């Protein structure tokens, strides 16, 4: 394992641990909640209950916020890093960029496009400096990790098979479906800000196929908020978060098409898979590096988005008294 691999893996697990601790402490003290909040869920300015030198410094840090429009820098730095990794691949190996990197380039380009042409950022919307710095580090780490993963295959097979092709096709389709689901969700959220204040669901229906009575609107200072409808919002409060988690797991499946069989083989020890008279041979080449990179990335991504989904769901419940009658879940339709 190289120094770069050890460093990247260590950073991933440090980030995942920090997010887990912040999420846990947030359930105990609202002070920690501000670190990962942005937009409508951002708390007001925090003031120390007992002013001391230490508490004043901590309070000042907790009150450092930047504009939510800075989200665009996440995708700019992500595009720059991912493009750099693809150029390195092209120059160093004379091979075309890995399919994982190309898929992630598509994701970053789409998100950059949405920041410019889809999202309607409020001038007063902010995010905490910690969240901004976390995002910058995250979108540097992912392209580097995908670059390393593309050179560290966790399993090999003697020759291409129909099953491996089917798994790749399936994971690619899942990636595109999750990507579209997130895009569509962002469009629906943007419509809430571009639509007139007197909007009715019957008018709204022309764009998002919903009917009903007047849309529930709440004023918060200079901002007004509405309950989003349509698409995956029928089942979830934050469908764009589960879509993003799904995209990363789709990339993971692309990289490890026989991961499920590895798990089953580990559970049952003697399992073998045959196709067309041949037998798959699993060769554990760099499995530790490959899987630790993926586990660090998936843990960090999932914990971050789960915290955001819980916070957003609670915000809807606190802001709209009748929101619970919609029976929407946090991340998993019909379950949680």
C-alpha atoms as a PDB file:
ATOM      1  CA  UNK A   1       0.000   0.000   0.000  1.00  0.00           C
ATOM      2  CA  UNK A   2       1.498   3.331  -1.087  1.00  0.00           C
ATOM      3  CA  UNK A   3       1.757   6.464   1.027  1.00  0.00           C
ATOM      4  CA  UNK A   4      -0.913   8.166  -1.123  1.00  0.00           C
ATOM      5  CA  UNK A   5      -3.322   5.279  -0.627  1.00  0.00           C
ATOM      6  CA  UNK A   6      -2.761   5.244   3.139  1.00  0.00           C
ATOM      7  CA  UNK A   7      -3.278   9.016   3.278  1.00  0.00           C
ATOM      8  CA  UNK A   8      -6.514   8.998   1.255  1.00  0.00           C
ATOM      9  CA  UNK A   9      -7.972   6.075   3.207  1.00  0.00           C
ATOM     10  CA  UNK A  10      -7.054   7.737   6.516  1.00  0.00           C
ATOM     11  CA  UNK A  11      -8.707  11.012   5.492  1.00  0.00           C
ATOM     12  CA  UNK A  12     -11.868   9.185   4.441  1.00  0.00           C
ATOM     13  CA  UNK A  13     -12.198   7.440   7.798  1.00  0.00           C
ATOM     14  CA  UNK A  14     -11.374  10.627   9.697  1.00  0.00           C
ATOM     15  CA  UNK A  15     -14.130  12.456   7.815  1.00  0.00           C
ATOM     16  CA  UNK A  16     -16.615   9.637   8.384  1.00  0.00           C
ATOM     17  CA  UNK A  17     -15.773   9.573  12.102  1.00  0.00           C
ATOM     18  CA  UNK A  18     -16.047  13.367  12.416  1.00  0.00           C
ATOM     19  CA  UNK A  19     -19.433  13.371  10.670  1.00  0.00           C
ATOM     20  CA  UNK A  20     -20.704  10.535  12.848  1.00  0.00           C
ATOM     21  CA  UNK A  21     -19.631  12.349  16.007  1.00  0.00           C
ATOM     22  CA  UNK A  22     -21.194  15.622  14.848  1.00  0.00           C
ATOM     23  CA  UNK A  23     -24.416  13.825  13.973  1.00  0.00           C
ATOM     24  CA  UNK A  24     -24.472  12.066  17.351  1.00  0.00           C
ATOM     25  CA  UNK A  25     -23.673  15.213  19.321  1.00  0.00           C
ATOM     26  CA  UNK A  26     -26.295  17.147  17.348  1.00  0.00           C
ATOM     27  CA  UNK A  27     -28.987  14.962  18.888  1.00  0.00           C
ATOM     28  CA  UNK A  28     -27.716  16.030  22.317  1.00  0.00           C
ATOM     29  CA  UNK A  29     -26.858  19.686  21.696  1.00  0.00           C
ATOM     30  CA  UNK A  30     -28.217  21.966  18.963  1.00  0.00           C
ATOM     31  CA  UNK A  31     -24.869  23.794  18.945  1.00  0.00           C
ATOM     32  CA  UNK A  32     -23.277  21.097  16.764  1.00  0.00           C
ATOM     33  CA  UNK A  33     -26.153  21.069  14.286  1.00  0.00           C
ATOM     34  CA  UNK A  34     -25.020  24.295  12.664  1.00  0.00           C
ATOM     35  CA  UNK A  35     -21.773  22.731  11.384  1.00  0.00           C
ATOM     36  CA  UNK A  36     -23.500  20.740   8.632  1.00  0.00           C
ATOM     37  CA  UNK A  37     -26.590  22.849   8.018  1.00  0.00           C
ATOM     38  CA  UNK A  38     -27.171  25.016   4.990  1.00  0.00           C
ATOM     39  CA  UNK A  39     -29.985  26.860   3.283  1.00  0.00           C
ATOM     40  CA  UNK A  40     -33.371  26.746   4.975  1.00  0.00           C
ATOM     41  CA  UNK A  41     -32.174  24.485   7.810  1.00  0.00           C
ATOM     42  CA  UNK A  42     -29.489  26.948   8.954  1.00  0.00           C
ATOM     43  CA  UNK A  43     -29.968  28.084  12.518  1.00  0.00           C
ATOM     44  CA  UNK A  44     -29.871  31.714  13.536  1.00  0.00           C
ATOM     45  CA  UNK A  45     -26.808  33.313  15.111  1.00  0.00           C
ATOM     46  CA  UNK A  46     -25.577  31.452  18.194  1.00  0.00           C
ATOM     47  CA  UNK A  47     -24.745  33.403  21.356  1.00  0.00           C
ATOM     48  CA  UNK A  48     -22.834  31.987  24.360  1.00  0.00           C
ATOM     49  CA  UNK A  49     -24.906  31.418  27.484  1.00  0.00           C
ATOM     50  CA  UNK A  50     -21.950  32.182  29.777  1.00  0.00           C
ATOM     51  CA  UNK A  51     -19.537  34.511  27.947  1.00  0.00           C
ATOM     52  CA  UNK A  52     -15.938  33.433  28.479  1.00  0.00           C
ATOM     53  CA  UNK A  53     -12.872  33.687  26.279  1.00  0.00           C
ATOM     54  CA  UNK A  54     -13.141  30.056  25.134  1.00  0.00           C
ATOM     55  CA  UNK A  55     -16.914  30.126  24.630  1.00  0.00           C
ATOM     56  CA  UNK A  56     -16.616  33.374  22.682  1.00  0.00           C
ATOM     57  CA  UNK A  57     -14.036  31.842  20.314  1.00  0.00           C
ATOM     58  CA  UNK A  58     -16.193  28.738  19.813  1.00  0.00           C
ATOM     59  CA  UNK A  59     -19.256  30.900  19.198  1.00  0.00           C
ATOM     60  CA  UNK A  60     -17.423  32.993  16.620  1.00  0.00           C
ATOM     61  CA  UNK A  61     -16.403  29.826  14.783  1.00  0.00           C
ATOM     62  CA  UNK A  62     -19.925  28.428  14.906  1.00  0.00           C
ATOM     63  CA  UNK A  63     -21.226  31.679  13.403  1.00  0.00           C
ATOM     64  CA  UNK A  64     -18.825  31.752  10.430  1.00  0.00           C
ATOM     65  CA  UNK A  65     -20.984  31.226   7.358  1.00  0.00           C
ATOM     66  CA  UNK A  66     -20.589  31.637   3.617  1.00  0.00           C
ATOM     67  CA  UNK A  67     -23.149  32.031   0.860  1.00  0.00           C
ATOM     68  CA  UNK A  68     -24.928  28.873  -0.247  1.00  0.00           C
ATOM     69  CA  UNK A  69     -24.086  29.923  -3.793  1.00  0.00           C
ATOM     70  CA  UNK A  70     -20.559  28.714  -3.005  1.00  0.00           C
ATOM     71  CA  UNK A  71     -21.887  25.219  -3.717  1.00  0.00           C
ATOM     72  CA  UNK A  72     -20.733  25.799  -7.268  1.00  0.00           C
ATOM     73  CA  UNK A  73     -17.116  25.702  -6.082  1.00  0.00           C
ATOM     74  CA  UNK A  74     -17.576  22.087  -5.009  1.00  0.00           C
ATOM     75  CA  UNK A  75     -18.223  21.056  -8.584  1.00  0.00           C
ATOM     76  CA  UNK A  76     -15.588  23.367 -10.045  1.00  0.00           C
ATOM     77  CA  UNK A  77     -12.862  21.842  -7.904  1.00  0.00           C
ATOM     78  CA  UNK A  78     -14.318  18.385  -8.502  1.00  0.00           C
ATOM     79  CA  UNK A  79     -14.240  18.893 -12.279  1.00  0.00           C
ATOM     80  CA  UNK A  80     -10.687  20.229 -12.102  1.00  0.00           C
ATOM     81  CA  UNK A  81      -9.447  17.292  -9.993  1.00  0.00           C
ATOM     82  CA  UNK A  82     -11.302  14.624 -11.972  1.00  0.00           C
ATOM     83  CA  UNK A  83     -10.130  16.064 -15.299  1.00  0.00           C
ATOM     84  CA  UNK A  84      -6.572  16.128 -13.976  1.00  0.00           C
ATOM     85  CA  UNK A  85      -6.817  12.464 -12.945  1.00  0.00           C
ATOM     86  CA  UNK A  86      -8.138  11.503 -16.385  1.00  0.00           C
ATOM     87  CA  UNK A  87      -5.310  13.401 -18.098  1.00  0.00           C
ATOM     88  CA  UNK A  88      -2.766  11.634 -15.866  1.00  0.00           C
ATOM     89  CA  UNK A  89      -4.325   8.302 -16.839  1.00  0.00           C
ATOM     90  CA  UNK A  90      -4.154   9.211 -20.517  1.00  0.00           C
ATOM     91  CA  UNK A  91      -0.540  10.394 -20.411  1.00  0.00           C
ATOM     92  CA  UNK A  92       0.856   7.814 -18.004  1.00  0.00           C
ATOM     93  CA  UNK A  93      -0.764   4.650 -19.379  1.00  0.00           C
ATOM     94  CA  UNK A  94      -1.865   5.757 -22.853  1.00  0.00           C
ATOM     95  CA  UNK A  95      -5.258   4.301 -21.953  1.00  0.00           C
ATOM     96  CA  UNK A  96      -8.600   6.014 -22.142  1.00  0.00           C
ATOM     97  CA  UNK A  97      -9.976   7.307 -18.800  1.00  0.00           C
ATOM     98  CA  UNK A  98     -11.689   4.690 -16.671  1.00  0.00           C
ATOM     99  CA  UNK A  99     -15.468   4.375 -17.004  1.00  0.00           C
ATOM    100  CA  UNK A 100     -15.864   5.288 -13.313  1.00  0.00           C
ATOM    101  CA  UNK A 101     -14.107   8.617 -13.879  1.00  0.00           C
ATOM    102  CA  UNK A 102     -16.212   9.306 -16.969  1.00  0.00           C
ATOM    103  CA  UNK A 103     -19.433   8.657 -15.031  1.00  0.00           C
ATOM    104  CA  UNK A 104     -18.280  10.928 -12.233  1.00  0.00           C
ATOM    105  CA  UNK A 105     -17.339  13.604 -14.765  1.00  0.00           C
ATOM    106  CA  UNK A 106     -20.900  13.416 -16.049  1.00  0.00           C
ATOM    107  CA  UNK A 107     -22.234  13.788 -12.495  1.00  0.00           C
ATOM    108  CA  UNK A 108     -20.014  16.812 -11.745  1.00  0.00           C
ATOM    109  CA  UNK A 109     -20.862  18.479 -15.060  1.00  0.00           C
ATOM    110  CA  UNK A 110     -24.575  18.006 -14.438  1.00  0.00           C
ATOM    111  CA  UNK A 111     -24.360  19.427 -10.936  1.00  0.00           C
ATOM    112  CA  UNK A 112     -22.333  22.387 -12.198  1.00  0.00           C
ATOM    113  CA  UNK A 113     -24.985  23.001 -14.858  1.00  0.00           C
ATOM    114  CA  UNK A 114     -27.744  22.825 -12.227  1.00  0.00           C
ATOM    115  CA  UNK A 115     -25.972  25.389 -10.039  1.00  0.00           C
ATOM    116  CA  UNK A 116     -25.907  27.810 -12.957  1.00  0.00           C
ATOM    117  CA  UNK A 117     -29.208  27.135 -14.703  1.00  0.00           C
ATOM    118  CA  UNK A 118     -31.543  25.257 -12.329  1.00  0.00           C
ATOM    119  CA  UNK A 119     -31.011  26.216  -8.708  1.00  0.00           C
ATOM    120  CA  UNK A 120     -32.511  29.470  -7.461  1.00  0.00           C
ATOM    121  CA  UNK A 121     -30.300  30.443  -4.542  1.00  0.00           C
ATOM    122  CA  UNK A 122     -31.675  32.872  -2.001  1.00  0.00           C
ATOM    123  CA  UNK A 123     -29.409  35.862  -1.432  1.00  0.00           C
ATOM    124  CA  UNK A 124     -29.649  35.240   2.304  1.00  0.00           C
ATOM    125  CA  UNK A 125     -29.084  31.460   2.169  1.00  0.00           C
ATOM    126  CA  UNK A 126     -25.855  30.393   3.854  1.00  0.00           C
ATOM    127  CA  UNK A 127     -23.873  27.354   4.923  1.00  0.00           C
ATOM    128  CA  UNK A 128     -21.361  26.944   7.691  1.00  0.00           C
ATOM    129  CA  UNK A 129     -17.651  27.315   6.901  1.00  0.00           C
ATOM    130  CA  UNK A 130     -17.068  23.739   8.145  1.00  0.00           C
ATOM    131  CA  UNK A 131     -19.543  22.381   5.600  1.00  0.00           C
ATOM    132  CA  UNK A 132     -17.928  24.437   2.838  1.00  0.00           C
ATOM    133  CA  UNK A 133     -14.420  23.190   3.686  1.00  0.00           C
ATOM    134  CA  UNK A 134     -15.715  19.632   4.009  1.00  0.00           C
ATOM    135  CA  UNK A 135     -17.238  19.898   0.526  1.00  0.00           C
ATOM    136  CA  UNK A 136     -13.991  21.132  -1.010  1.00  0.00           C
ATOM    137  CA  UNK A 137     -12.007  18.283   0.547  1.00  0.00           C
ATOM    138  CA  UNK A 138     -14.687  15.755  -0.439  1.00  0.00           C
ATOM    139  CA  UNK A 139     -14.673  16.714  -4.119  1.00  0.00           C
ATOM    140  CA  UNK A 140     -10.895  16.458  -4.230  1.00  0.00           C
ATOM    141  CA  UNK A 141     -10.839  13.068  -2.530  1.00  0.00           C
ATOM    142  CA  UNK A 142     -13.469  11.347  -4.694  1.00  0.00           C
ATOM    143  CA  UNK A 143     -11.705  11.785  -8.074  1.00  0.00           C
ATOM    144  CA  UNK A 144      -8.353  10.733  -6.572  1.00  0.00           C
ATOM    145  CA  UNK A 145      -9.997   7.703  -4.968  1.00  0.00           C
ATOM    146  CA  UNK A 146     -11.663   6.687  -8.242  1.00  0.00           C
ATOM    147  CA  UNK A 147      -8.309   7.041  -9.978  1.00  0.00           C
ATOM    148  CA  UNK A 148      -6.670   4.729  -7.436  1.00  0.00           C
ATOM    149  CA  UNK A 149      -9.575   2.281  -7.511  1.00  0.00           C
ATOM    150  CA  UNK A 150      -9.406   2.024 -11.296  1.00  0.00           C
ATOM    151  CA  UNK A 151      -5.861   0.722 -10.896  1.00  0.00           C
ATOM    152  CA  UNK A 152      -6.684  -1.600  -8.007  1.00  0.00           C
ATOM    153  CA  UNK A 153      -9.184  -4.203  -9.116  1.00  0.00           C
ATOM    154  CA  UNK A 154     -10.644  -6.153  -6.200  1.00  0.00           C
ATOM    155  CA  UNK A 155     -11.450  -9.158  -8.371  1.00  0.00           C
ATOM    156  CA  UNK A 156     -10.601 -10.534 -11.777  1.00  0.00           C
ATOM    157  CA  UNK A 157     -12.169 -13.182 -13.970  1.00  0.00           C
ATOM    158  CA  UNK A 158     -10.488 -15.315 -16.566  1.00  0.00           C
ATOM    159  CA  UNK A 159     -12.519 -13.873 -19.434  1.00  0.00           C
ATOM    160  CA  UNK A 160     -15.491 -11.539 -19.984  1.00  0.00           C
ATOM    161  CA  UNK A 161     -18.812 -13.218 -19.325  1.00  0.00           C
ATOM    162  CA  UNK A 162     -22.445 -12.447 -19.935  1.00  0.00           C
ATOM    163  CA  UNK A 163     -22.983 -12.066 -16.194  1.00  0.00           C
ATOM    164  CA  UNK A 164     -20.247  -9.457 -15.800  1.00  0.00           C
ATOM    165  CA  UNK A 165     -21.635  -7.504 -18.747  1.00  0.00           C
ATOM    166  CA  UNK A 166     -25.165  -7.660 -17.317  1.00  0.00           C
ATOM    167  CA  UNK A 167     -23.972  -6.378 -13.936  1.00  0.00           C
ATOM    168  CA  UNK A 168     -22.140  -3.479 -15.583  1.00  0.00           C
ATOM    169  CA  UNK A 169     -25.188  -2.609 -17.651  1.00  0.00           C
ATOM    170  CA  UNK A 170     -27.453  -2.848 -14.612  1.00  0.00           C
ATOM    171  CA  UNK A 171     -25.223  -0.584 -12.486  1.00  0.00           C
ATOM    172  CA  UNK A 172     -24.892   1.918 -15.346  1.00  0.00           C
ATOM    173  CA  UNK A 173     -28.671   2.082 -15.771  1.00  0.00           C
ATOM    174  CA  UNK A 174     -29.072   2.549 -11.994  1.00  0.00           C
ATOM    175  CA  UNK A 175     -26.542   5.365 -12.070  1.00  0.00           C
ATOM    176  CA  UNK A 176     -28.452   7.149 -14.850  1.00  0.00           C
ATOM    177  CA  UNK A 177     -31.820   6.627 -13.146  1.00  0.00           C
ATOM    178  CA  UNK A 178     -30.546   7.993  -9.830  1.00  0.00           C
ATOM    179  CA  UNK A 179     -28.933  10.881 -11.692  1.00  0.00           C
ATOM    180  CA  UNK A 180     -32.196  11.747 -13.417  1.00  0.00           C
ATOM    181  CA  UNK A 181     -34.091  11.398 -10.133  1.00  0.00           C
ATOM    182  CA  UNK A 182     -31.796  13.916  -8.478  1.00  0.00           C
ATOM    183  CA  UNK A 183     -31.999  16.287 -11.449  1.00  0.00           C
ATOM    184  CA  UNK A 184     -35.800  16.104 -11.504  1.00  0.00           C
ATOM    185  CA  UNK A 185     -35.957  16.736  -7.758  1.00  0.00           C
ATOM    186  CA  UNK A 186     -33.782  19.838  -8.113  1.00  0.00           C
ATOM    187  CA  UNK A 187     -36.049  21.111 -10.893  1.00  0.00           C
ATOM    188  CA  UNK A 188     -39.106  20.698  -8.654  1.00  0.00           C
ATOM    189  CA  UNK A 189     -37.392  22.553  -5.817  1.00  0.00           C
ATOM    190  CA  UNK A 190     -36.396  25.358  -8.173  1.00  0.00           C
ATOM    191  CA  UNK A 191     -39.999  25.702  -9.341  1.00  0.00           C
ATOM    192  CA  UNK A 192     -41.025  26.552  -5.778  1.00  0.00           C
ATOM    193  CA  UNK A 193     -38.953  29.727  -5.925  1.00  0.00           C
ATOM    194  CA  UNK A 194     -39.775  30.731  -9.482  1.00  0.00           C
ATOM    195  CA  UNK A 195     -43.541  30.198  -9.112  1.00  0.00           C
ATOM    196  CA  UNK A 196     -45.743  33.072  -7.857  1.00  0.00           C
ATOM    197  CA  UNK A 197     -46.631  33.248  -4.182  1.00  0.00           C
ATOM    198  CA  UNK A 198     -50.319  32.612  -4.869  1.00  0.00           C
ATOM    199  CA  UNK A 199     -49.577  29.325  -6.592  1.00  0.00           C
ATOM    200  CA  UNK A 200     -52.182  26.578  -6.354  1.00  0.00           C
ATOM    201  CA  UNK A 201     -51.524  22.895  -6.784  1.00  0.00           C
ATOM    202  CA  UNK A 202     -53.937  22.851  -9.702  1.00  0.00           C
ATOM    203  CA  UNK A 203     -51.636  25.320 -11.511  1.00  0.00           C
ATOM    204  CA  UNK A 204     -48.570  23.495 -10.254  1.00  0.00           C
ATOM    205  CA  UNK A 205     -49.958  20.251 -11.678  1.00  0.00           C
ATOM    206  CA  UNK A 206     -49.149  21.296 -15.257  1.00  0.00           C
ATOM    207  CA  UNK A 207     -45.477  20.956 -14.441  1.00  0.00           C
ATOM    208  CA  UNK A 208     -45.327  18.256 -11.777  1.00  0.00           C
ATOM    209  CA  UNK A 209     -48.570  16.306 -12.095  1.00  0.00           C
ATOM    210  CA  UNK A 210     -50.161  17.051  -8.724  1.00  0.00           C
ATOM    211  CA  UNK A 211     -53.652  18.207  -7.744  1.00  0.00           C
ATOM    212  CA  UNK A 212     -55.285  19.610  -4.703  1.00  0.00           C
ATOM    213  CA  UNK A 213     -55.843  22.694  -2.640  1.00  0.00           C
ATOM    214  CA  UNK A 214     -53.704  25.748  -1.996  1.00  0.00           C
ATOM    215  CA  UNK A 215     -50.001  25.101  -1.485  1.00  0.00           C
ATOM    216  CA  UNK A 216     -48.876  25.482   2.137  1.00  0.00           C
ATOM    217  CA  UNK A 217     -46.570  28.520   2.336  1.00  0.00           C
ATOM    218  CA  UNK A 218     -44.573  29.715   5.316  1.00  0.00           C
ATOM    219  CA  UNK A 219     -42.754  33.030   5.642  1.00  0.00           C
ATOM    220  CA  UNK A 220     -39.324  33.091   7.270  1.00  0.00           C
ATOM    221  CA  UNK A 221     -37.943  36.615   7.249  1.00  0.00           C
ATOM    222  CA  UNK A 222     -37.570  37.595   3.607  1.00  0.00           C
ATOM    223  CA  UNK A 223     -37.797  33.980   2.449  1.00  0.00           C
ATOM    224  CA  UNK A 224     -40.920  31.997   1.774  1.00  0.00           C
ATOM    225  CA  UNK A 225     -41.045  28.227   1.813  1.00  0.00           C
ATOM    226  CA  UNK A 226     -43.444  25.741   0.310  1.00  0.00           C
ATOM    227  CA  UNK A 227     -43.898  22.015   0.538  1.00  0.00           C
ATOM    228  CA  UNK A 228     -42.578  20.449  -2.676  1.00  0.00           C
ATOM    229  CA  UNK A 229     -44.797  18.020  -4.572  1.00  0.00           C
ATOM    230  CA  UNK A 230     -44.355  15.690  -7.500  1.00  0.00           C
ATOM    231  CA  UNK A 231     -41.898  12.989  -8.470  1.00  0.00           C
ATOM    232  CA  UNK A 232     -40.224  11.220  -5.573  1.00  0.00           C
ATOM    233  CA  UNK A 233     -41.508  13.871  -3.163  1.00  0.00           C
ATOM    234  CA  UNK A 234     -44.678  11.800  -3.050  1.00  0.00           C
ATOM    235  CA  UNK A 235     -42.794   9.342  -0.817  1.00  0.00           C
ATOM    236  CA  UNK A 236     -39.774  11.199   0.577  1.00  0.00           C
ATOM    237  CA  UNK A 237     -38.848  14.533   2.116  1.00  0.00           C
ATOM    238  CA  UNK A 238     -35.405  14.620   0.481  1.00  0.00           C
ATOM    239  CA  UNK A 239     -35.333  12.310  -2.557  1.00  0.00           C
ATOM    240  CA  UNK A 240     -32.233  14.027  -3.979  1.00  0.00           C
ATOM    241  CA  UNK A 241     -30.187  12.670  -1.053  1.00  0.00           C
ATOM    242  CA  UNK A 242     -31.123   9.030  -1.564  1.00  0.00           C
ATOM    243  CA  UNK A 243     -30.507   9.499  -5.293  1.00  0.00           C
ATOM    244  CA  UNK A 244     -26.970  10.703  -4.604  1.00  0.00           C
ATOM    245  CA  UNK A 245     -26.301   7.785  -2.270  1.00  0.00           C
ATOM    246  CA  UNK A 246     -27.665   5.491  -4.974  1.00  0.00           C
ATOM    247  CA  UNK A 247     -25.306   6.987  -7.569  1.00  0.00           C
ATOM    248  CA  UNK A 248     -22.248   6.256  -5.448  1.00  0.00           C
ATOM    249  CA  UNK A 249     -23.379   2.696  -4.752  1.00  0.00           C
ATOM    250  CA  UNK A 250     -23.956   2.263  -8.503  1.00  0.00           C
ATOM    251  CA  UNK A 251     -20.352   3.342  -9.130  1.00  0.00           C
ATOM    252  CA  UNK A 252     -19.256   0.874  -6.458  1.00  0.00           C
ATOM    253  CA  UNK A 253     -21.128  -1.940  -8.211  1.00  0.00           C
ATOM    254  CA  UNK A 254     -19.505  -0.965 -11.521  1.00  0.00           C
ATOM    255  CA  UNK A 255     -16.104  -1.304  -9.883  1.00  0.00           C
ATOM    256  CA  UNK A 256     -16.987  -4.535  -8.060  1.00  0.00           C
ATOM    257  CA  UNK A 257     -19.463  -6.436 -10.259  1.00  0.00           C
ATOM    258  CA  UNK A 258     -18.947  -9.647  -8.292  1.00  0.00           C
ATOM    259  CA  UNK A 259     -19.067  -8.055  -4.850  1.00  0.00           C
ATOM    260  CA  UNK A 260     -22.366  -9.790  -4.055  1.00  0.00           C
ATOM    261  CA  UNK A 261     -20.845 -13.147  -4.914  1.00  0.00           C
ATOM    262  CA  UNK A 262     -17.819 -12.355  -2.747  1.00  0.00           C
ATOM    263  CA  UNK A 263     -20.153 -11.725   0.196  1.00  0.00           C
ATOM    264  CA  UNK A 264     -22.110 -14.914  -0.448  1.00  0.00           C
ATOM    265  CA  UNK A 265     -18.900 -16.868  -0.879  1.00  0.00           C
ATOM    266  CA  UNK A 266     -17.654 -15.496   2.429  1.00  0.00           C
ATOM    267  CA  UNK A 267     -20.931 -16.431   4.136  1.00  0.00           C
ATOM    268  CA  UNK A 268     -21.236 -19.928   2.735  1.00  0.00           C
ATOM    269  CA  UNK A 269     -17.509 -20.573   2.175  1.00  0.00           C
ATOM    270  CA  UNK A 270     -17.957 -23.221  -0.537  1.00  0.00           C
ATOM    271  CA  UNK A 271     -20.072 -21.248  -3.023  1.00  0.00           C
ATOM    272  CA  UNK A 272     -19.059 -21.299  -6.694  1.00  0.00           C
ATOM    273  CA  UNK A 273     -20.702 -19.687  -9.703  1.00  0.00           C
ATOM    274  CA  UNK A 274     -20.640 -21.273 -13.115  1.00  0.00           C
ATOM    275  CA  UNK A 275     -21.742 -20.039 -16.490  1.00  0.00           C
ATOM    276  CA  UNK A 276     -21.599 -21.818 -19.822  1.00  0.00           C
ATOM    277  CA  UNK A 277     -19.545 -24.636 -18.393  1.00  0.00           C
ATOM    278  CA  UNK A 278     -16.906 -22.275 -16.988  1.00  0.00           C
ATOM    279  CA  UNK A 279     -16.232 -21.272 -13.427  1.00  0.00           C
ATOM    280  CA  UNK A 280     -15.464 -17.841 -12.014  1.00  0.00           C
ATOM    281  CA  UNK A 281     -12.196 -17.559 -10.163  1.00  0.00           C
ATOM    282  CA  UNK A 282     -11.944 -14.819  -7.592  1.00  0.00           C
ATOM    283  CA  UNK A 283      -8.437 -13.496  -7.156  1.00  0.00           C
ATOM    284  CA  UNK A 284      -7.989 -11.119  -4.245  1.00  0.00           C
ATOM    285  CA  UNK A 285      -5.720  -8.560  -5.880  1.00  0.00           C
ATOM    286  CA  UNK A 286      -5.361  -5.371  -3.810  1.00  0.00           C
ATOM    287  CA  UNK A 287      -8.760  -6.109  -2.276  1.00  0.00           C
ATOM    288  CA  UNK A 288      -7.803  -4.371   0.955  1.00  0.00           C
ATOM    289  CA  UNK A 289      -6.871  -1.085  -0.733  1.00  0.00           C
ATOM    290  CA  UNK A 290      -9.805  -1.135  -3.130  1.00  0.00           C
ATOM    291  CA  UNK A 291     -12.432  -1.948  -0.513  1.00  0.00           C
ATOM    292  CA  UNK A 292     -11.066   0.430   2.102  1.00  0.00           C
ATOM    293  CA  UNK A 293     -11.185   3.291  -0.383  1.00  0.00           C
ATOM    294  CA  UNK A 294     -14.770   2.412  -1.266  1.00  0.00           C
ATOM    295  CA  UNK A 295     -15.851   1.882   2.338  1.00  0.00           C
ATOM    296  CA  UNK A 296     -14.356   5.215   3.401  1.00  0.00           C
ATOM    297  CA  UNK A 297     -16.027   7.026   0.509  1.00  0.00           C
ATOM    298  CA  UNK A 298     -19.416   5.351   0.916  1.00  0.00           C
ATOM    299  CA  UNK A 299     -19.449   5.785   4.697  1.00  0.00           C
ATOM    300  CA  UNK A 300     -18.586   9.480   4.466  1.00  0.00           C
ATOM    301  CA  UNK A 301     -21.133  10.096   1.702  1.00  0.00           C
ATOM    302  CA  UNK A 302     -23.923   8.164   3.417  1.00  0.00           C
ATOM    303  CA  UNK A 303     -23.411   9.647   6.891  1.00  0.00           C
ATOM    304  CA  UNK A 304     -23.306  13.192   5.512  1.00  0.00           C
ATOM    305  CA  UNK A 305     -26.467  12.784   3.442  1.00  0.00           C
ATOM    306  CA  UNK A 306     -28.342  10.872   6.148  1.00  0.00           C
ATOM    307  CA  UNK A 307     -27.686  13.727   8.592  1.00  0.00           C
ATOM    308  CA  UNK A 308     -28.897  16.243   5.985  1.00  0.00           C
ATOM    309  CA  UNK A 309     -31.995  14.149   5.247  1.00  0.00           C
ATOM    310  CA  UNK A 310     -32.921  13.850   8.942  1.00  0.00           C
ATOM    311  CA  UNK A 311     -32.407  17.592   9.473  1.00  0.00           C
ATOM    312  CA  UNK A 312     -34.499  18.501   6.433  1.00  0.00           C
ATOM    313  CA  UNK A 313     -37.322  16.128   7.381  1.00  0.00           C
ATOM    314  CA  UNK A 314     -37.437  17.594  10.893  1.00  0.00           C
ATOM    315  CA  UNK A 315     -37.438  21.108   9.446  1.00  0.00           C
ATOM    316  CA  UNK A 316     -40.516  20.294   7.355  1.00  0.00           C
ATOM    317  CA  UNK A 317     -42.268  18.867  10.412  1.00  0.00           C
ATOM    318  CA  UNK A 318     -41.441  21.960  12.490  1.00  0.00           C
ATOM    319  CA  UNK A 319     -42.314  24.455   9.738  1.00  0.00           C
ATOM    320  CA  UNK A 320     -45.523  22.945   8.367  1.00  0.00           C
ATOM    321  CA  UNK A 321     -47.935  21.702  11.077  1.00  0.00           C
ATOM    322  CA  UNK A 322     -49.820  19.394   8.702  1.00  0.00           C
ATOM    323  CA  UNK A 323     -46.721  17.945   7.052  1.00  0.00           C
ATOM    324  CA  UNK A 324     -46.956  14.640   8.922  1.00  0.00           C
ATOM    325  CA  UNK A 325     -50.291  13.936   7.214  1.00  0.00           C
ATOM    326  CA  UNK A 326     -48.376  13.486   3.936  1.00  0.00           C
ATOM    327  CA  UNK A 327     -46.750  10.389   5.441  1.00  0.00           C
ATOM    328  CA  UNK A 328     -43.422  11.050   3.772  1.00  0.00           C
ATOM    329  CA  UNK A 329     -40.325   9.176   4.899  1.00  0.00           C
ATOM    330  CA  UNK A 330     -36.777  10.430   5.412  1.00  0.00           C
ATOM    331  CA  UNK A 331     -34.795   8.319   2.927  1.00  0.00           C
ATOM    332  CA  UNK A 332     -36.385   4.928   2.257  1.00  0.00           C
ATOM    333  CA  UNK A 333     -39.937   5.009   0.806  1.00  0.00           C
ATOM    334  CA  UNK A 334     -42.450   3.376   3.109  1.00  0.00           C
ATOM    335  CA  UNK A 335     -39.783   2.357   5.645  1.00  0.00           C
ATOM    336  CA  UNK A 336     -37.775   5.257   7.123  1.00  0.00           C
END
